[in-house]
Amino acid sequence: MNGIRKGVLAAVAAGSLAVGAVGGAVLYAATTISASAASNSNATLAAAATPAPTAGKFVPNETAAHEAGESAAREAQENAGQVPTVP
């Protein structure tokens, strides 16, 4: 093979690779958009299953299992009726 044919073959291979990459990206984007549109119904179902927060005073969890792993700062916040902000 002479140098010109090798150059043409390399250019064709590079062009084919570029076209394949662009085509793959377009197909991937289309399926991702489609999948995210379909999954919105799952998010709606999960939101419907979660009870809405009620307005009013914070009620701490005073079970023994919960209290065992709690820090003194967190317990002080709970006892003051505050939503805990420390671990």
N, C-alpha and C. Protein backbone atom coordinates (compact mmCIF):
# COMPACT_ATOMS: atom_id res chain seq x y z
N MET A 1 0.84 -1.17 0.00
CA MET A 1 0.00 0.00 0.00
C MET A 1 0.88 1.23 0.00
N ASN A 2 0.48 2.18 -0.76
CA ASN A 2 1.27 3.41 -0.77
C ASN A 2 0.78 4.36 0.33
N GLY A 3 1.49 5.44 0.55
CA GLY A 3 1.20 6.37 1.63
C GLY A 3 -0.16 7.03 1.53
N ILE A 4 -0.62 7.33 0.34
CA ILE A 4 -1.92 8.01 0.15
C ILE A 4 -3.05 7.07 0.56
N ARG A 5 -2.97 5.82 0.17
CA ARG A 5 -4.02 4.86 0.53
C ARG A 5 -4.07 4.66 2.03
N LYS A 6 -2.90 4.59 2.69
CA LYS A 6 -2.89 4.45 4.14
C LYS A 6 -3.53 5.66 4.81
N GLY A 7 -3.25 6.84 4.30
CA GLY A 7 -3.84 8.07 4.84
C GLY A 7 -5.34 8.09 4.68
N VAL A 8 -5.81 7.69 3.49
CA VAL A 8 -7.25 7.65 3.23
C VAL A 8 -7.92 6.63 4.13
N LEU A 9 -7.30 5.46 4.30
CA LEU A 9 -7.86 4.41 5.16
C LEU A 9 -7.92 4.88 6.61
N ALA A 10 -6.89 5.56 7.06
CA ALA A 10 -6.87 6.09 8.43
C ALA A 10 -7.96 7.15 8.61
N ALA A 11 -8.14 8.00 7.62
CA ALA A 11 -9.17 9.04 7.70
C ALA A 11 -10.56 8.43 7.73
N VAL A 12 -10.78 7.39 6.92
CA VAL A 12 -12.08 6.72 6.90
C VAL A 12 -12.35 6.06 8.25
N ALA A 13 -11.33 5.40 8.80
CA ALA A 13 -11.50 4.74 10.10
C ALA A 13 -11.80 5.77 11.19
N ALA A 14 -11.08 6.89 11.19
CA ALA A 14 -11.31 7.93 12.19
C ALA A 14 -12.70 8.55 12.04
N GLY A 15 -13.12 8.77 10.81
CA GLY A 15 -14.46 9.31 10.57
C GLY A 15 -15.55 8.37 11.03
N SER A 16 -15.35 7.08 10.76
CA SER A 16 -16.31 6.07 11.19
C SER A 16 -16.41 6.03 12.72
N LEU A 17 -15.26 6.12 13.37
CA LEU A 17 -15.24 6.13 14.83
C LEU A 17 -15.98 7.35 15.37
N ALA A 18 -15.76 8.50 14.77
CA ALA A 18 -16.42 9.73 15.23
C ALA A 18 -17.93 9.65 15.03
N VAL A 19 -18.36 9.15 13.87
CA VAL A 19 -19.80 9.03 13.61
C VAL A 19 -20.44 8.05 14.59
N GLY A 20 -19.75 6.95 14.88
CA GLY A 20 -20.27 5.98 15.84
C GLY A 20 -20.38 6.56 17.24
N ALA A 21 -19.39 7.36 17.63
CA ALA A 21 -19.42 7.97 18.96
C ALA A 21 -20.58 8.96 19.09
N VAL A 22 -20.78 9.77 18.08
CA VAL A 22 -21.88 10.74 18.10
C VAL A 22 -23.22 10.00 18.10
N GLY A 23 -23.35 8.99 17.26
CA GLY A 23 -24.59 8.22 17.22
C GLY A 23 -24.88 7.53 18.55
N GLY A 24 -23.85 6.98 19.18
CA GLY A 24 -24.03 6.35 20.48
C GLY A 24 -24.44 7.34 21.55
N ALA A 25 -23.85 8.53 21.52
CA ALA A 25 -24.20 9.55 22.50
C ALA A 25 -25.65 10.00 22.33
N VAL A 26 -26.09 10.13 21.09
CA VAL A 26 -27.47 10.54 20.83
C VAL A 26 -28.44 9.47 21.33
N LEU A 27 -28.15 8.21 21.05
CA LEU A 27 -29.03 7.13 21.51
C LEU A 27 -29.03 7.04 23.03
N TYR A 28 -27.87 7.19 23.66
CA TYR A 28 -27.79 7.15 25.12
C TYR A 28 -28.60 8.28 25.74
N ALA A 29 -28.49 9.47 25.18
CA ALA A 29 -29.23 10.62 25.72
C ALA A 29 -30.74 10.40 25.57
N ALA A 30 -31.16 9.84 24.47
CA ALA A 30 -32.58 9.61 24.25
C ALA A 30 -33.13 8.58 25.24
N THR A 31 -32.37 7.53 25.52
CA THR A 31 -32.86 6.51 26.46
C THR A 31 -32.82 7.03 27.89
N THR A 32 -31.85 7.88 28.21
CA THR A 32 -31.78 8.46 29.56
C THR A 32 -32.95 9.39 29.80
N ILE A 33 -33.28 10.21 28.82
CA ILE A 33 -34.42 11.12 28.96
C ILE A 33 -35.70 10.31 29.09
N SER A 34 -35.83 9.28 28.31
CA SER A 34 -37.03 8.43 28.36
C SER A 34 -37.14 7.73 29.71
N ALA A 35 -36.02 7.24 30.23
CA ALA A 35 -36.04 6.54 31.51
C ALA A 35 -36.37 7.48 32.65
N SER A 36 -35.85 8.70 32.62
CA SER A 36 -36.14 9.64 33.70
C SER A 36 -37.60 10.10 33.65
N ALA A 37 -38.17 10.20 32.46
CA ALA A 37 -39.57 10.58 32.35
C ALA A 37 -40.46 9.47 32.90
N ALA A 38 -40.07 8.22 32.69
CA ALA A 38 -40.87 7.11 33.18
C ALA A 38 -40.75 6.95 34.69
N SER A 39 -39.63 7.34 35.27
CA SER A 39 -39.43 7.13 36.70
C SER A 39 -40.10 8.21 37.55
N ASN A 40 -40.62 9.25 36.95
CA ASN A 40 -41.29 10.28 37.73
C ASN A 40 -42.52 9.72 38.44
N SER A 41 -43.17 8.73 37.86
CA SER A 41 -44.34 8.16 38.50
C SER A 41 -43.94 7.44 39.78
N ASN A 42 -42.75 6.84 39.82
CA ASN A 42 -42.28 6.19 41.05
C ASN A 42 -42.04 7.22 42.14
N ALA A 43 -41.49 8.36 41.80
CA ALA A 43 -41.26 9.42 42.78
C ALA A 43 -42.59 9.93 43.33
N THR A 44 -43.59 10.01 42.47
CA THR A 44 -44.90 10.45 42.91
C THR A 44 -45.51 9.45 43.88
N LEU A 45 -45.34 8.16 43.59
CA LEU A 45 -45.86 7.14 44.49
C LEU A 45 -45.15 7.17 45.83
N ALA A 46 -43.84 7.36 45.82
CA ALA A 46 -43.08 7.41 47.07
C ALA A 46 -43.49 8.63 47.89
N ALA A 47 -43.72 9.75 47.24
CA ALA A 47 -44.14 10.95 47.95
C ALA A 47 -45.53 10.78 48.55
N ALA A 48 -46.39 10.06 47.85
CA ALA A 48 -47.73 9.84 48.37
C ALA A 48 -47.71 8.89 49.56
N ALA A 49 -46.76 7.96 49.60
CA ALA A 49 -46.69 7.00 50.70
C ALA A 49 -46.08 7.62 51.95
N THR A 50 -45.30 8.69 51.80
CA THR A 50 -44.67 9.34 52.93
C THR A 50 -45.65 10.33 53.54
N PRO A 51 -45.90 10.22 54.83
CA PRO A 51 -46.85 11.16 55.43
C PRO A 51 -46.27 12.57 55.47
N ALA A 52 -47.13 13.53 55.32
CA ALA A 52 -46.71 14.93 55.32
C ALA A 52 -46.34 15.33 56.74
N PRO A 53 -45.30 16.16 56.89
CA PRO A 53 -44.94 16.61 58.24
C PRO A 53 -46.05 17.46 58.83
N THR A 54 -46.25 17.28 60.11
CA THR A 54 -47.30 18.04 60.77
C THR A 54 -46.70 19.27 61.44
N ALA A 55 -47.46 20.32 61.45
CA ALA A 55 -47.01 21.54 62.10
C ALA A 55 -47.19 21.38 63.60
N GLY A 56 -46.28 21.95 64.36
CA GLY A 56 -46.42 21.88 65.80
C GLY A 56 -45.10 21.62 66.47
N LYS A 57 -45.15 21.15 67.68
CA LYS A 57 -43.97 20.94 68.51
C LYS A 57 -43.24 19.67 68.10
N PHE A 58 -41.90 19.72 68.17
CA PHE A 58 -41.06 18.56 67.89
C PHE A 58 -41.25 17.53 69.00
N VAL A 59 -41.46 16.27 68.60
CA VAL A 59 -41.62 15.18 69.58
C VAL A 59 -40.42 14.25 69.42
N PRO A 60 -39.53 14.18 70.43
CA PRO A 60 -38.34 13.35 70.30
C PRO A 60 -38.64 11.87 70.41
N ASN A 61 -37.74 11.06 69.87
CA ASN A 61 -37.83 9.62 69.96
C ASN A 61 -37.15 9.20 71.26
N GLU A 62 -37.91 8.70 72.21
CA GLU A 62 -37.37 8.37 73.53
C GLU A 62 -37.21 6.87 73.75
N THR A 63 -37.21 6.07 72.69
CA THR A 63 -37.03 4.63 72.87
C THR A 63 -35.60 4.34 73.33
N ALA A 64 -35.43 3.25 74.06
CA ALA A 64 -34.12 2.91 74.62
C ALA A 64 -33.08 2.69 73.54
N ALA A 65 -33.46 2.06 72.43
CA ALA A 65 -32.51 1.79 71.35
C ALA A 65 -32.03 3.10 70.73
N HIS A 66 -32.90 4.06 70.61
CA HIS A 66 -32.53 5.35 70.04
C HIS A 66 -31.66 6.14 71.01
N GLU A 67 -32.01 6.13 72.26
CA GLU A 67 -31.28 6.90 73.27
C GLU A 67 -29.87 6.37 73.48
N ALA A 68 -29.63 5.09 73.25
CA ALA A 68 -28.32 4.49 73.50
C ALA A 68 -27.23 5.09 72.62
N GLY A 69 -27.54 5.43 71.39
CA GLY A 69 -26.54 5.96 70.48
C GLY A 69 -26.56 7.46 70.34
N GLU A 70 -27.18 8.15 71.27
CA GLU A 70 -27.38 9.59 71.14
C GLU A 70 -26.35 10.36 71.97
N SER A 71 -25.86 11.48 71.43
CA SER A 71 -24.90 12.31 72.17
C SER A 71 -25.65 13.18 73.18
N ALA A 72 -24.90 13.72 74.14
CA ALA A 72 -25.49 14.58 75.17
C ALA A 72 -26.03 15.86 74.55
N ALA A 73 -25.32 16.39 73.54
CA ALA A 73 -25.78 17.63 72.89
C ALA A 73 -27.10 17.41 72.17
N ARG A 74 -27.23 16.27 71.52
CA ARG A 74 -28.48 15.97 70.81
C ARG A 74 -29.62 15.79 71.80
N GLU A 75 -29.37 15.10 72.90
CA GLU A 75 -30.40 14.89 73.91
C GLU A 75 -30.84 16.22 74.51
N ALA A 76 -29.89 17.14 74.70
CA ALA A 76 -30.23 18.47 75.24
C ALA A 76 -31.14 19.22 74.28
N GLN A 77 -30.86 19.12 72.98
CA GLN A 77 -31.71 19.79 71.99
C GLN A 77 -33.11 19.17 71.98
N GLU A 78 -33.17 17.85 72.06
CA GLU A 78 -34.48 17.19 72.08
C GLU A 78 -35.27 17.59 73.33
N ASN A 79 -34.61 17.64 74.48
CA ASN A 79 -35.29 18.00 75.71
C ASN A 79 -35.79 19.45 75.69
N ALA A 80 -35.12 20.29 74.91
CA ALA A 80 -35.55 21.70 74.78
C ALA A 80 -36.66 21.85 73.74
N GLY A 81 -37.05 20.75 73.09
CA GLY A 81 -38.11 20.82 72.09
C GLY A 81 -37.63 21.29 70.74
N GLN A 82 -36.32 21.25 70.51
CA GLN A 82 -35.75 21.67 69.24
C GLN A 82 -35.52 20.47 68.34
N VAL A 83 -35.54 20.70 67.04
CA VAL A 83 -35.15 19.66 66.08
C VAL A 83 -33.65 19.53 66.17
N PRO A 84 -33.12 18.32 66.44
CA PRO A 84 -31.67 18.15 66.62
C PRO A 84 -30.88 18.52 65.37
N THR A 85 -29.77 19.22 65.60
CA THR A 85 -28.88 19.60 64.51
C THR A 85 -27.49 18.98 64.69
N VAL A 86 -27.27 18.26 65.78
CA VAL A 86 -25.98 17.61 66.04
C VAL A 86 -26.19 16.10 66.03
N PRO A 87 -25.13 15.37 65.65
CA PRO A 87 -25.28 13.89 65.63
C PRO A 87 -25.36 13.27 67.00
